[in-house]
Amino acid sequence: MYREKLHRNKSARSAIVQTLMKALEERDFITEGHAERLQNLAVCLAGTIGLSRRSIADLKLLARFHDIGKVGIPDRILFKPGPLTHEEYVEMQRHCEIGCRIAMSAPDLVPIADWILKHHEWWNGKGYPLGIKGKEIPLECRILAIIDAYDAMTSDRPYRKALTAGQALNELARCAGTQFDPQLVEKFISIIKVGLKGQKAPGRRTYSISSLVDGNG
């Protein structure tokens, strides 16, 4: 119940965090509606694999605040209309550590600080910042990675148009076992396909996620 207050913006202790998120939303257009779509997708996938109500509440916090560290990344990188250089990519990677430090200083976000740090780790160990792999990566981070990538691919970016839901699912399947937890990818694809067949699926304007290549996400 305590954590749910943060979702309803009724926690006075989260005022600073909310201010940071507002600043990020105004600086980075990519985040518009992004957190809400991720929360919806997170609930769908987490419910399918049987996570507890408390775990889902924490996962929703992660979906909303995982990119809070971007407040410390220069606009020239966040808004660059094209692929990042190696140096810019390294700078962008710092948002995980910045976000972790912010979360550690905000009582409402302390429970997800470690997940914020690890939300760009890859299943095969080639992610960042720690290079951990497989089930060393927290389950919540593995869930976020999949839904974040789906959202990014089905959303327009400055340097490319959005993919269709089918194209995005194919890309997730291709990256299962390398970037993503293969079992979670299989479950997620099933959820989306069922929704598409029922004409209630997360479409490119309804649900989404972060970046596969982390170009600007």
N, C-alpha and C. Protein backbone atom coordinates (compact mmCIF):
# COMPACT_ATOMS: atom_id res chain seq x y z
N MET A 1 0.83 -1.21 0.00
CA MET A 1 0.00 0.00 0.00
C MET A 1 0.86 1.25 0.00
N TYR A 2 1.98 1.19 0.74
CA TYR A 2 2.87 2.35 0.81
C TYR A 2 3.42 2.70 -0.57
N ARG A 3 3.88 1.64 -1.30
CA ARG A 3 4.46 1.92 -2.61
C ARG A 3 3.41 2.37 -3.61
N GLU A 4 2.19 1.91 -3.45
CA GLU A 4 1.13 2.31 -4.37
C GLU A 4 0.89 3.81 -4.30
N LYS A 5 1.20 4.44 -3.17
CA LYS A 5 1.01 5.88 -3.04
C LYS A 5 1.83 6.64 -4.08
N LEU A 6 3.00 6.10 -4.39
CA LEU A 6 3.87 6.77 -5.35
C LEU A 6 3.23 6.80 -6.72
N HIS A 7 2.51 5.75 -7.09
CA HIS A 7 1.84 5.70 -8.38
C HIS A 7 0.73 6.73 -8.45
N ARG A 8 0.11 7.04 -7.33
CA ARG A 8 -1.00 7.99 -7.31
C ARG A 8 -0.55 9.40 -6.98
N ASN A 9 0.79 9.60 -6.91
CA ASN A 9 1.36 10.93 -6.66
C ASN A 9 0.89 11.52 -5.34
N LYS A 10 0.66 10.68 -4.32
CA LYS A 10 0.18 11.18 -3.04
C LYS A 10 1.22 11.07 -1.94
N SER A 11 2.44 10.69 -2.29
CA SER A 11 3.48 10.57 -1.29
C SER A 11 4.30 11.83 -1.25
N ALA A 12 4.25 12.53 -0.11
CA ALA A 12 5.00 13.78 0.02
C ALA A 12 6.49 13.54 -0.10
N ARG A 13 6.94 12.35 0.36
CA ARG A 13 8.36 12.05 0.34
C ARG A 13 8.87 11.85 -1.07
N SER A 14 8.00 11.66 -2.04
CA SER A 14 8.44 11.44 -3.41
C SER A 14 8.45 12.73 -4.23
N ALA A 15 8.25 13.87 -3.58
CA ALA A 15 8.13 15.14 -4.29
C ALA A 15 9.37 15.45 -5.14
N ILE A 16 10.55 15.22 -4.58
CA ILE A 16 11.78 15.51 -5.32
C ILE A 16 11.90 14.59 -6.52
N VAL A 17 11.60 13.32 -6.33
CA VAL A 17 11.66 12.35 -7.43
C VAL A 17 10.67 12.74 -8.52
N GLN A 18 9.46 13.12 -8.13
CA GLN A 18 8.46 13.53 -9.11
C GLN A 18 8.93 14.75 -9.89
N THR A 19 9.62 15.66 -9.22
CA THR A 19 10.14 16.85 -9.89
C THR A 19 11.20 16.47 -10.91
N LEU A 20 12.06 15.54 -10.55
CA LEU A 20 13.08 15.07 -11.48
C LEU A 20 12.45 14.40 -12.69
N MET A 21 11.41 13.58 -12.46
CA MET A 21 10.74 12.92 -13.57
C MET A 21 10.08 13.94 -14.49
N LYS A 22 9.50 14.97 -13.92
CA LYS A 22 8.85 16.00 -14.74
C LYS A 22 9.89 16.72 -15.59
N ALA A 23 11.04 16.99 -15.00
CA ALA A 23 12.11 17.64 -15.75
C ALA A 23 12.57 16.77 -16.90
N LEU A 24 12.67 15.48 -16.64
CA LEU A 24 13.09 14.54 -17.69
C LEU A 24 12.05 14.48 -18.80
N GLU A 25 10.78 14.42 -18.46
CA GLU A 25 9.72 14.35 -19.45
C GLU A 25 9.71 15.59 -20.35
N GLU A 26 10.05 16.73 -19.78
CA GLU A 26 10.05 17.96 -20.56
C GLU A 26 11.30 18.08 -21.42
N ARG A 27 12.36 17.40 -21.04
CA ARG A 27 13.60 17.46 -21.81
C ARG A 27 13.64 16.40 -22.90
N ASP A 28 13.05 15.24 -22.62
CA ASP A 28 13.22 14.09 -23.50
C ASP A 28 11.87 13.60 -24.00
N PHE A 29 11.52 13.96 -25.22
CA PHE A 29 10.19 13.64 -25.74
C PHE A 29 9.95 12.14 -25.86
N ILE A 30 11.02 11.35 -25.90
CA ILE A 30 10.89 9.90 -26.02
C ILE A 30 10.13 9.32 -24.84
N THR A 31 10.18 10.00 -23.68
CA THR A 31 9.54 9.45 -22.50
C THR A 31 8.05 9.74 -22.43
N GLU A 32 7.49 10.51 -23.37
CA GLU A 32 6.08 10.85 -23.30
C GLU A 32 5.21 9.59 -23.39
N GLY A 33 4.49 9.30 -22.34
CA GLY A 33 3.63 8.13 -22.31
C GLY A 33 4.37 6.82 -22.13
N HIS A 34 5.69 6.89 -22.16
CA HIS A 34 6.52 5.69 -22.12
C HIS A 34 6.33 4.90 -20.83
N ALA A 35 6.39 5.60 -19.71
CA ALA A 35 6.29 4.92 -18.42
C ALA A 35 4.94 4.24 -18.24
N GLU A 36 3.88 4.91 -18.67
CA GLU A 36 2.54 4.33 -18.53
C GLU A 36 2.39 3.07 -19.37
N ARG A 37 2.93 3.10 -20.58
CA ARG A 37 2.84 1.93 -21.44
C ARG A 37 3.64 0.77 -20.85
N LEU A 38 4.80 1.09 -20.30
CA LEU A 38 5.61 0.04 -19.69
C LEU A 38 4.92 -0.58 -18.49
N GLN A 39 4.27 0.24 -17.69
CA GLN A 39 3.57 -0.29 -16.53
C GLN A 39 2.47 -1.26 -16.96
N ASN A 40 1.74 -0.92 -18.00
CA ASN A 40 0.69 -1.81 -18.49
C ASN A 40 1.26 -3.14 -18.97
N LEU A 41 2.33 -3.06 -19.74
CA LEU A 41 2.96 -4.28 -20.24
C LEU A 41 3.57 -5.11 -19.11
N ALA A 42 4.16 -4.42 -18.14
CA ALA A 42 4.78 -5.11 -17.01
C ALA A 42 3.74 -5.90 -16.22
N VAL A 43 2.59 -5.29 -15.99
CA VAL A 43 1.53 -5.96 -15.26
C VAL A 43 1.06 -7.21 -16.02
N CYS A 44 0.93 -7.09 -17.33
CA CYS A 44 0.49 -8.23 -18.15
C CYS A 44 1.47 -9.39 -18.05
N LEU A 45 2.76 -9.11 -18.26
CA LEU A 45 3.76 -10.18 -18.25
C LEU A 45 3.96 -10.73 -16.84
N ALA A 46 4.02 -9.85 -15.85
CA ALA A 46 4.23 -10.29 -14.47
C ALA A 46 3.07 -11.15 -13.99
N GLY A 47 1.85 -10.79 -14.38
CA GLY A 47 0.70 -11.59 -13.99
C GLY A 47 0.73 -12.97 -14.60
N THR A 48 1.23 -13.05 -15.83
CA THR A 48 1.29 -14.33 -16.53
C THR A 48 2.26 -15.30 -15.86
N ILE A 49 3.36 -14.77 -15.32
CA ILE A 49 4.35 -15.65 -14.69
C ILE A 49 4.13 -15.79 -13.19
N GLY A 50 3.06 -15.19 -12.68
CA GLY A 50 2.67 -15.42 -11.30
C GLY A 50 3.38 -14.61 -10.23
N LEU A 51 3.86 -13.42 -10.56
CA LEU A 51 4.49 -12.58 -9.54
C LEU A 51 3.45 -12.12 -8.52
N SER A 52 3.90 -11.91 -7.30
CA SER A 52 3.01 -11.46 -6.24
C SER A 52 2.59 -10.01 -6.46
N ARG A 53 1.55 -9.62 -5.75
CA ARG A 53 1.06 -8.24 -5.85
C ARG A 53 2.15 -7.24 -5.47
N ARG A 54 2.90 -7.55 -4.41
CA ARG A 54 3.97 -6.65 -3.98
C ARG A 54 5.07 -6.56 -5.03
N SER A 55 5.43 -7.69 -5.63
CA SER A 55 6.47 -7.69 -6.66
C SER A 55 6.03 -6.90 -7.87
N ILE A 56 4.76 -7.00 -8.23
CA ILE A 56 4.24 -6.24 -9.36
C ILE A 56 4.26 -4.75 -9.06
N ALA A 57 3.96 -4.38 -7.80
CA ALA A 57 4.00 -2.97 -7.42
C ALA A 57 5.42 -2.42 -7.58
N ASP A 58 6.42 -3.20 -7.16
CA ASP A 58 7.81 -2.77 -7.31
C ASP A 58 8.21 -2.72 -8.79
N LEU A 59 7.73 -3.67 -9.56
CA LEU A 59 8.03 -3.69 -10.99
C LEU A 59 7.45 -2.46 -11.68
N LYS A 60 6.26 -2.04 -11.26
CA LYS A 60 5.66 -0.83 -11.82
C LYS A 60 6.50 0.40 -11.49
N LEU A 61 7.08 0.43 -10.30
CA LEU A 61 7.98 1.53 -9.95
C LEU A 61 9.20 1.54 -10.86
N LEU A 62 9.75 0.35 -11.11
CA LEU A 62 10.90 0.25 -12.00
C LEU A 62 10.54 0.72 -13.40
N ALA A 63 9.38 0.32 -13.89
CA ALA A 63 8.95 0.73 -15.22
C ALA A 63 8.85 2.25 -15.32
N ARG A 64 8.45 2.88 -14.25
CA ARG A 64 8.28 4.33 -14.28
C ARG A 64 9.58 5.09 -14.10
N PHE A 65 10.47 4.58 -13.23
CA PHE A 65 11.64 5.36 -12.84
C PHE A 65 12.98 4.81 -13.33
N HIS A 66 12.98 3.77 -14.18
CA HIS A 66 14.25 3.17 -14.57
C HIS A 66 15.19 4.13 -15.29
N ASP A 67 14.64 5.10 -16.00
CA ASP A 67 15.47 6.03 -16.76
C ASP A 67 15.66 7.38 -16.07
N ILE A 68 15.40 7.44 -14.78
CA ILE A 68 15.50 8.72 -14.08
C ILE A 68 16.92 9.27 -14.13
N GLY A 69 17.91 8.41 -14.31
CA GLY A 69 19.29 8.86 -14.41
C GLY A 69 19.58 9.70 -15.64
N LYS A 70 18.67 9.72 -16.59
CA LYS A 70 18.87 10.53 -17.79
C LYS A 70 18.86 12.02 -17.49
N VAL A 71 18.41 12.40 -16.29
CA VAL A 71 18.47 13.82 -15.93
C VAL A 71 19.92 14.30 -15.89
N GLY A 72 20.85 13.35 -15.76
CA GLY A 72 22.26 13.71 -15.71
C GLY A 72 22.99 13.57 -17.04
N ILE A 73 22.25 13.27 -18.12
CA ILE A 73 22.86 13.11 -19.44
C ILE A 73 22.61 14.38 -20.27
N PRO A 74 23.64 14.90 -20.96
CA PRO A 74 23.50 16.14 -21.73
C PRO A 74 22.44 16.04 -22.83
N ASP A 75 21.77 17.16 -23.09
CA ASP A 75 20.75 17.21 -24.14
C ASP A 75 21.32 16.85 -25.51
N ARG A 76 22.57 17.21 -25.76
CA ARG A 76 23.17 16.94 -27.07
C ARG A 76 23.21 15.44 -27.37
N ILE A 77 23.19 14.63 -26.32
CA ILE A 77 23.16 13.18 -26.48
C ILE A 77 21.73 12.66 -26.50
N LEU A 78 20.91 13.14 -25.56
CA LEU A 78 19.52 12.68 -25.49
C LEU A 78 18.76 13.00 -26.77
N PHE A 79 19.05 14.16 -27.38
CA PHE A 79 18.29 14.61 -28.54
C PHE A 79 19.02 14.40 -29.86
N LYS A 80 20.12 13.70 -29.86
CA LYS A 80 20.87 13.51 -31.10
C LYS A 80 20.03 12.75 -32.12
N PRO A 81 19.81 13.32 -33.31
CA PRO A 81 18.97 12.68 -34.34
C PRO A 81 19.74 11.64 -35.16
N GLY A 82 20.34 10.71 -34.51
CA GLY A 82 21.10 9.68 -35.22
C GLY A 82 21.85 8.81 -34.23
N PRO A 83 22.55 7.79 -34.71
CA PRO A 83 23.29 6.89 -33.83
C PRO A 83 24.35 7.64 -33.03
N LEU A 84 24.61 7.16 -31.82
CA LEU A 84 25.61 7.79 -30.97
C LEU A 84 27.01 7.33 -31.34
N THR A 85 27.99 8.21 -31.12
CA THR A 85 29.39 7.81 -31.26
C THR A 85 29.75 6.93 -30.06
N HIS A 86 30.92 6.31 -30.13
CA HIS A 86 31.34 5.47 -29.00
C HIS A 86 31.41 6.28 -27.71
N GLU A 87 31.98 7.47 -27.80
CA GLU A 87 32.11 8.31 -26.60
C GLU A 87 30.74 8.71 -26.07
N GLU A 88 29.81 9.03 -26.96
CA GLU A 88 28.46 9.40 -26.53
C GLU A 88 27.73 8.21 -25.93
N TYR A 89 27.96 7.05 -26.49
CA TYR A 89 27.33 5.83 -25.98
C TYR A 89 27.80 5.53 -24.56
N VAL A 90 29.10 5.72 -24.33
CA VAL A 90 29.66 5.51 -22.99
C VAL A 90 29.03 6.50 -22.01
N GLU A 91 28.87 7.74 -22.46
CA GLU A 91 28.23 8.76 -21.61
C GLU A 91 26.78 8.39 -21.31
N MET A 92 26.06 7.89 -22.32
CA MET A 92 24.68 7.49 -22.13
C MET A 92 24.58 6.35 -21.11
N GLN A 93 25.54 5.45 -21.12
CA GLN A 93 25.52 4.32 -20.20
C GLN A 93 25.55 4.76 -18.74
N ARG A 94 26.05 5.95 -18.48
CA ARG A 94 26.16 6.44 -17.11
C ARG A 94 24.79 6.64 -16.46
N HIS A 95 23.70 6.67 -17.28
CA HIS A 95 22.39 6.96 -16.68
C HIS A 95 21.95 5.86 -15.70
N CYS A 96 22.46 4.64 -15.88
CA CYS A 96 22.12 3.56 -14.94
C CYS A 96 22.69 3.84 -13.55
N GLU A 97 23.95 4.23 -13.50
CA GLU A 97 24.59 4.52 -12.22
C GLU A 97 24.05 5.80 -11.60
N ILE A 98 23.80 6.82 -12.43
CA ILE A 98 23.22 8.07 -11.92
C ILE A 98 21.85 7.78 -11.33
N GLY A 99 21.05 6.99 -12.05
CA GLY A 99 19.72 6.66 -11.58
C GLY A 99 19.75 5.88 -10.27
N CYS A 100 20.70 4.97 -10.14
CA CYS A 100 20.84 4.19 -8.91
C CYS A 100 21.14 5.11 -7.73
N ARG A 101 22.03 6.07 -7.93
CA ARG A 101 22.37 6.99 -6.85
C ARG A 101 21.18 7.85 -6.45
N ILE A 102 20.41 8.30 -7.45
CA ILE A 102 19.20 9.08 -7.15
C ILE A 102 18.23 8.24 -6.33
N ALA A 103 18.03 6.98 -6.76
CA ALA A 103 17.09 6.11 -6.07
C ALA A 103 17.53 5.83 -4.63
N MET A 104 18.83 5.69 -4.42
CA MET A 104 19.33 5.42 -3.08
C MET A 104 19.10 6.59 -2.14
N SER A 105 18.96 7.79 -2.70
CA SER A 105 18.74 8.96 -1.87
C SER A 105 17.25 9.28 -1.69
N ALA A 106 16.38 8.51 -2.32
CA ALA A 106 14.93 8.73 -2.23
C ALA A 106 14.31 7.52 -1.56
N PRO A 107 13.82 7.64 -0.32
CA PRO A 107 13.28 6.48 0.42
C PRO A 107 12.27 5.65 -0.36
N ASP A 108 11.43 6.31 -1.17
CA ASP A 108 10.43 5.57 -1.93
C ASP A 108 11.05 4.64 -2.98
N LEU A 109 12.25 4.99 -3.45
CA LEU A 109 12.85 4.25 -4.56
C LEU A 109 13.99 3.33 -4.15
N VAL A 110 14.37 3.34 -2.87
CA VAL A 110 15.47 2.49 -2.42
C VAL A 110 15.26 1.02 -2.81
N PRO A 111 14.03 0.47 -2.71
CA PRO A 111 13.84 -0.95 -3.06
C PRO A 111 14.16 -1.29 -4.50
N ILE A 112 14.15 -0.29 -5.41
CA ILE A 112 14.42 -0.60 -6.82
C ILE A 112 15.74 -0.02 -7.31
N ALA A 113 16.55 0.52 -6.41
CA ALA A 113 17.81 1.15 -6.81
C ALA A 113 18.72 0.17 -7.53
N ASP A 114 18.84 -1.05 -7.00
CA ASP A 114 19.72 -2.05 -7.63
C ASP A 114 19.20 -2.44 -9.01
N TRP A 115 17.89 -2.49 -9.18
CA TRP A 115 17.32 -2.81 -10.48
C TRP A 115 17.58 -1.71 -11.50
N ILE A 116 17.51 -0.45 -11.04
CA ILE A 116 17.82 0.67 -11.93
C ILE A 116 19.25 0.56 -12.43
N LEU A 117 20.15 0.16 -11.54
CA LEU A 117 21.55 -0.01 -11.93
C LEU A 117 21.71 -1.09 -13.00
N LYS A 118 20.90 -2.16 -12.91
CA LYS A 118 21.11 -3.34 -13.75
C LYS A 118 20.12 -3.49 -14.90
N HIS A 119 19.33 -2.46 -15.20
CA HIS A 119 18.26 -2.66 -16.19
C HIS A 119 18.73 -2.72 -17.64
N HIS A 120 20.04 -2.51 -17.88
CA HIS A 120 20.57 -2.66 -19.24
C HIS A 120 21.54 -3.83 -19.35
N GLU A 121 21.47 -4.77 -18.41
CA GLU A 121 22.29 -5.98 -18.52
C GLU A 121 21.66 -6.92 -19.54
N TRP A 122 22.50 -7.68 -20.23
CA TRP A 122 22.04 -8.62 -21.26
C TRP A 122 22.12 -10.06 -20.76
N TRP A 123 21.24 -10.88 -21.27
CA TRP A 123 21.19 -12.30 -20.91
C TRP A 123 22.54 -12.98 -21.14
N ASN A 124 23.27 -12.59 -22.21
CA ASN A 124 24.56 -13.22 -22.53
C ASN A 124 25.75 -12.55 -21.86
N GLY A 125 25.50 -11.56 -20.99
CA GLY A 125 26.58 -10.92 -20.26
C GLY A 125 27.24 -9.75 -20.96
N LYS A 126 26.70 -9.34 -22.11
CA LYS A 126 27.32 -8.26 -22.87
C LYS A 126 26.63 -6.91 -22.68
N GLY A 127 25.84 -6.81 -21.62
CA GLY A 127 25.20 -5.54 -21.32
C GLY A 127 26.08 -4.68 -20.43
N TYR A 128 25.48 -3.72 -19.76
CA TYR A 128 26.23 -2.82 -18.88
C TYR A 128 25.36 -2.42 -17.70
N PRO A 129 25.93 -1.92 -16.61
CA PRO A 129 27.35 -1.57 -16.41
C PRO A 129 28.20 -2.69 -15.81
N LEU A 130 27.60 -3.79 -15.36
CA LEU A 130 28.32 -4.82 -14.62
C LEU A 130 28.72 -6.03 -15.45
N GLY A 131 28.03 -6.24 -16.57
CA GLY A 131 28.34 -7.39 -17.41
C GLY A 131 27.89 -8.72 -16.81
N ILE A 132 26.86 -8.68 -15.95
CA ILE A 132 26.34 -9.93 -15.40
C ILE A 132 25.45 -10.60 -16.44
N LYS A 133 25.13 -11.88 -16.23
CA LYS A 133 24.39 -12.59 -17.27
C LYS A 133 23.37 -13.56 -16.68
N GLY A 134 22.49 -14.06 -17.56
CA GLY A 134 21.52 -15.06 -17.18
C GLY A 134 20.70 -14.66 -15.96
N LYS A 135 20.51 -15.62 -15.06
CA LYS A 135 19.69 -15.37 -13.88
C LYS A 135 20.42 -14.60 -12.79
N GLU A 136 21.66 -14.19 -13.07
CA GLU A 136 22.32 -13.22 -12.18
C GLU A 136 21.60 -11.88 -12.28
N ILE A 137 20.96 -11.65 -13.42
CA ILE A 137 20.21 -10.43 -13.65
C ILE A 137 18.86 -10.56 -12.94
N PRO A 138 18.48 -9.59 -12.11
CA PRO A 138 17.18 -9.69 -11.42
C PRO A 138 16.03 -9.92 -12.41
N LEU A 139 15.08 -10.73 -12.00
CA LEU A 139 13.94 -11.04 -12.86
C LEU A 139 13.24 -9.78 -13.34
N GLU A 140 13.09 -8.80 -12.46
CA GLU A 140 12.41 -7.57 -12.82
C GLU A 140 13.14 -6.83 -13.94
N CYS A 141 14.46 -6.88 -13.92
CA CYS A 141 15.25 -6.24 -14.98
C CYS A 141 15.09 -6.98 -16.31
N ARG A 142 14.99 -8.31 -16.22
CA ARG A 142 14.80 -9.11 -17.44
C ARG A 142 13.44 -8.85 -18.06
N ILE A 143 12.43 -8.65 -17.22
CA ILE A 143 11.10 -8.30 -17.72
C ILE A 143 11.13 -6.93 -18.38
N LEU A 144 11.72 -5.97 -17.68
CA LEU A 144 11.77 -4.60 -18.21
C LEU A 144 12.49 -4.55 -19.55
N ALA A 145 13.58 -5.29 -19.68
CA ALA A 145 14.36 -5.26 -20.92
C ALA A 145 13.50 -5.62 -22.12
N ILE A 146 12.63 -6.60 -21.97
CA ILE A 146 11.79 -7.07 -23.07
C ILE A 146 10.71 -6.05 -23.42
N ILE A 147 9.98 -5.60 -22.40
CA ILE A 147 8.89 -4.67 -22.68
C ILE A 147 9.42 -3.31 -23.12
N ASP A 148 10.59 -2.93 -22.61
CA ASP A 148 11.20 -1.66 -22.99
C ASP A 148 11.61 -1.67 -24.45
N ALA A 149 12.19 -2.80 -24.88
CA ALA A 149 12.61 -2.93 -26.27
C ALA A 149 11.41 -2.92 -27.21
N TYR A 150 10.36 -3.61 -26.81
CA TYR A 150 9.14 -3.64 -27.64
C TYR A 150 8.57 -2.24 -27.82
N ASP A 151 8.51 -1.48 -26.73
CA ASP A 151 7.98 -0.12 -26.79
C ASP A 151 8.82 0.76 -27.70
N ALA A 152 10.15 0.63 -27.56
CA ALA A 152 11.04 1.45 -28.38
C ALA A 152 10.87 1.14 -29.86
N MET A 153 10.79 -0.14 -30.17
CA MET A 153 10.69 -0.53 -31.58
C MET A 153 9.36 -0.13 -32.19
N THR A 154 8.31 -0.08 -31.39
CA THR A 154 6.99 0.27 -31.92
C THR A 154 6.66 1.75 -31.74
N SER A 155 7.70 2.55 -31.46
CA SER A 155 7.54 4.01 -31.33
C SER A 155 8.47 4.70 -32.32
N ASP A 156 8.03 5.83 -32.86
CA ASP A 156 8.87 6.60 -33.77
C ASP A 156 10.07 7.19 -33.03
N ARG A 157 11.20 7.23 -33.69
CA ARG A 157 12.41 7.86 -33.18
C ARG A 157 12.89 8.89 -34.21
N PRO A 158 13.75 9.82 -33.80
CA PRO A 158 14.21 10.85 -34.73
C PRO A 158 14.87 10.27 -35.98
N TYR A 159 15.50 9.10 -35.85
CA TYR A 159 16.27 8.53 -36.95
C TYR A 159 15.60 7.33 -37.61
N ARG A 160 14.37 6.97 -37.19
CA ARG A 160 13.66 5.87 -37.85
C ARG A 160 12.19 5.87 -37.48
N LYS A 161 11.39 5.24 -38.34
CA LYS A 161 9.96 5.10 -38.08
C LYS A 161 9.71 3.86 -37.21
N ALA A 162 8.58 3.85 -36.57
CA ALA A 162 8.22 2.72 -35.72
C ALA A 162 8.04 1.45 -36.54
N LEU A 163 8.39 0.32 -35.94
CA LEU A 163 8.12 -0.97 -36.55
C LEU A 163 6.68 -1.39 -36.24
N THR A 164 6.16 -2.32 -37.00
CA THR A 164 4.85 -2.89 -36.68
C THR A 164 5.02 -3.82 -35.48
N ALA A 165 3.91 -4.18 -34.85
CA ALA A 165 3.97 -5.10 -33.72
C ALA A 165 4.62 -6.43 -34.14
N GLY A 166 4.24 -6.92 -35.33
CA GLY A 166 4.80 -8.18 -35.82
C GLY A 166 6.30 -8.11 -36.02
N GLN A 167 6.78 -7.00 -36.60
CA GLN A 167 8.22 -6.84 -36.82
C GLN A 167 8.96 -6.79 -35.49
N ALA A 168 8.38 -6.08 -34.52
CA ALA A 168 9.01 -5.97 -33.21
C ALA A 168 9.09 -7.33 -32.52
N LEU A 169 8.04 -8.11 -32.63
CA LEU A 169 8.05 -9.44 -32.02
C LEU A 169 9.09 -10.35 -32.67
N ASN A 170 9.25 -10.23 -33.97
CA ASN A 170 10.27 -11.02 -34.68
C ASN A 170 11.67 -10.64 -34.17
N GLU A 171 11.88 -9.35 -33.93
CA GLU A 171 13.18 -8.89 -33.45
C GLU A 171 13.44 -9.38 -32.02
N LEU A 172 12.41 -9.38 -31.20
CA LEU A 172 12.56 -9.92 -29.84
C LEU A 172 12.93 -11.40 -29.91
N ALA A 173 12.27 -12.14 -30.78
CA ALA A 173 12.56 -13.56 -30.93
C ALA A 173 14.00 -13.77 -31.39
N ARG A 174 14.45 -12.92 -32.30
CA ARG A 174 15.82 -13.03 -32.82
C ARG A 174 16.85 -12.80 -31.73
N CYS A 175 16.53 -11.93 -30.79
CA CYS A 175 17.48 -11.56 -29.74
C CYS A 175 17.30 -12.37 -28.45
N ALA A 176 16.35 -13.31 -28.46
CA ALA A 176 16.16 -14.18 -27.30
C ALA A 176 17.39 -15.05 -27.11
N GLY A 177 17.90 -15.11 -25.90
CA GLY A 177 19.09 -15.92 -25.63
C GLY A 177 20.37 -15.12 -25.73
N THR A 178 20.31 -13.95 -26.32
CA THR A 178 21.48 -13.06 -26.36
C THR A 178 21.21 -11.85 -25.48
N GLN A 179 20.30 -10.99 -25.93
CA GLN A 179 19.95 -9.82 -25.13
C GLN A 179 18.89 -10.14 -24.06
N PHE A 180 17.96 -11.02 -24.41
CA PHE A 180 16.80 -11.25 -23.55
C PHE A 180 16.69 -12.67 -23.03
N ASP A 181 16.04 -12.79 -21.88
CA ASP A 181 15.71 -14.09 -21.30
C ASP A 181 14.78 -14.82 -22.28
N PRO A 182 15.21 -15.95 -22.84
CA PRO A 182 14.41 -16.62 -23.89
C PRO A 182 13.04 -17.09 -23.41
N GLN A 183 12.93 -17.56 -22.19
CA GLN A 183 11.64 -18.02 -21.69
C GLN A 183 10.66 -16.86 -21.52
N LEU A 184 11.15 -15.74 -21.04
CA LEU A 184 10.29 -14.57 -20.88
C LEU A 184 9.86 -14.01 -22.23
N VAL A 185 10.77 -14.04 -23.20
CA VAL A 185 10.43 -13.57 -24.55
C VAL A 185 9.29 -14.41 -25.12
N GLU A 186 9.37 -15.73 -24.95
CA GLU A 186 8.33 -16.63 -25.45
C GLU A 186 6.97 -16.29 -24.83
N LYS A 187 6.95 -16.04 -23.53
CA LYS A 187 5.70 -15.71 -22.85
C LYS A 187 5.17 -14.36 -23.32
N PHE A 188 6.07 -13.39 -23.48
CA PHE A 188 5.65 -12.06 -23.90
C PHE A 188 5.06 -12.08 -25.32
N ILE A 189 5.72 -12.79 -26.21
CA ILE A 189 5.23 -12.89 -27.59
C ILE A 189 3.83 -13.51 -27.61
N SER A 190 3.62 -14.51 -26.78
CA SER A 190 2.30 -15.15 -26.72
C SER A 190 1.24 -14.17 -26.25
N ILE A 191 1.57 -13.37 -25.25
CA ILE A 191 0.62 -12.38 -24.73
C ILE A 191 0.23 -11.39 -25.82
N ILE A 192 1.22 -10.86 -26.53
CA ILE A 192 0.95 -9.86 -27.55
C ILE A 192 0.15 -10.46 -28.70
N LYS A 193 0.50 -11.67 -29.12
CA LYS A 193 -0.21 -12.31 -30.24
C LYS A 193 -1.66 -12.58 -29.90
N VAL A 194 -1.91 -13.01 -28.67
CA VAL A 194 -3.29 -13.24 -28.24
C VAL A 194 -4.06 -11.92 -28.29
N GLY A 195 -3.43 -10.87 -27.83
CA GLY A 195 -4.07 -9.57 -27.86
C GLY A 195 -4.34 -9.08 -29.26
N LEU A 196 -3.41 -9.29 -30.15
CA LEU A 196 -3.58 -8.88 -31.54
C LEU A 196 -4.75 -9.62 -32.19
N LYS A 197 -4.84 -10.90 -31.92
CA LYS A 197 -5.93 -11.69 -32.49
C LYS A 197 -7.29 -11.22 -31.98
N GLY A 198 -7.30 -10.76 -30.74
CA GLY A 198 -8.56 -10.29 -30.17
C GLY A 198 -8.80 -8.82 -30.42
N GLN A 199 -7.91 -8.19 -31.20
CA GLN A 199 -8.01 -6.77 -31.52
C GLN A 199 -7.99 -5.91 -30.27
N LYS A 200 -7.30 -6.43 -29.24
CA LYS A 200 -7.13 -5.67 -28.01
C LYS A 200 -5.66 -5.61 -27.63
N ALA A 201 -4.82 -5.95 -28.61
CA ALA A 201 -3.41 -6.08 -28.30
C ALA A 201 -2.75 -4.75 -28.05
N PRO A 202 -1.59 -4.76 -27.32
CA PRO A 202 -0.79 -3.55 -27.22
C PRO A 202 -0.32 -3.16 -28.61
N GLY A 203 -0.85 -2.13 -29.18
CA GLY A 203 -0.45 -1.68 -30.50
C GLY A 203 0.64 -0.65 -30.40
N ARG A 204 1.09 -0.12 -31.50
CA ARG A 204 2.21 0.79 -31.45
C ARG A 204 1.85 2.09 -30.77
N ARG A 205 0.55 2.41 -30.65
CA ARG A 205 0.16 3.64 -29.98
C ARG A 205 -0.32 3.39 -28.55
N THR A 206 -0.36 2.11 -28.13
CA THR A 206 -0.94 1.81 -26.83
C THR A 206 0.10 1.40 -25.79
N TYR A 207 0.94 0.43 -26.14
CA TYR A 207 1.97 0.00 -25.21
C TYR A 207 3.33 0.09 -25.91
N SER A 208 4.43 0.17 -25.16
CA SER A 208 5.77 0.24 -25.71
C SER A 208 6.92 0.00 -24.71
N ILE A 209 8.27 0.15 -25.17
CA ILE A 209 9.45 0.03 -24.30
C ILE A 209 10.72 0.79 -24.74
N SER A 210 11.89 0.66 -24.04
CA SER A 210 13.17 1.39 -24.27
C SER A 210 13.87 0.94 -25.54
N SER A 211 15.18 1.09 -25.67
CA SER A 211 15.82 0.82 -26.94
C SER A 211 16.59 -0.48 -27.00
N LEU A 212 16.43 -1.21 -28.10
CA LEU A 212 17.18 -2.46 -28.30
C LEU A 212 18.67 -2.17 -28.29
N VAL A 213 19.09 -1.19 -29.05
CA VAL A 213 20.49 -0.88 -29.16
C VAL A 213 20.88 0.23 -28.22
N ASP A 214 19.92 0.79 -27.48
CA ASP A 214 20.16 1.88 -26.55
C ASP A 214 20.74 3.07 -27.27
N GLY A 215 20.33 3.29 -28.50
CA GLY A 215 20.81 4.45 -29.24
C GLY A 215 20.50 5.71 -28.50
N ASN A 216 19.24 5.95 -28.19
CA ASN A 216 18.86 7.10 -27.39
C ASN A 216 17.97 6.66 -26.25
N GLY A 217 18.04 5.40 -25.83
CA GLY A 217 17.14 4.92 -24.81
C GLY A 217 17.85 4.16 -23.72
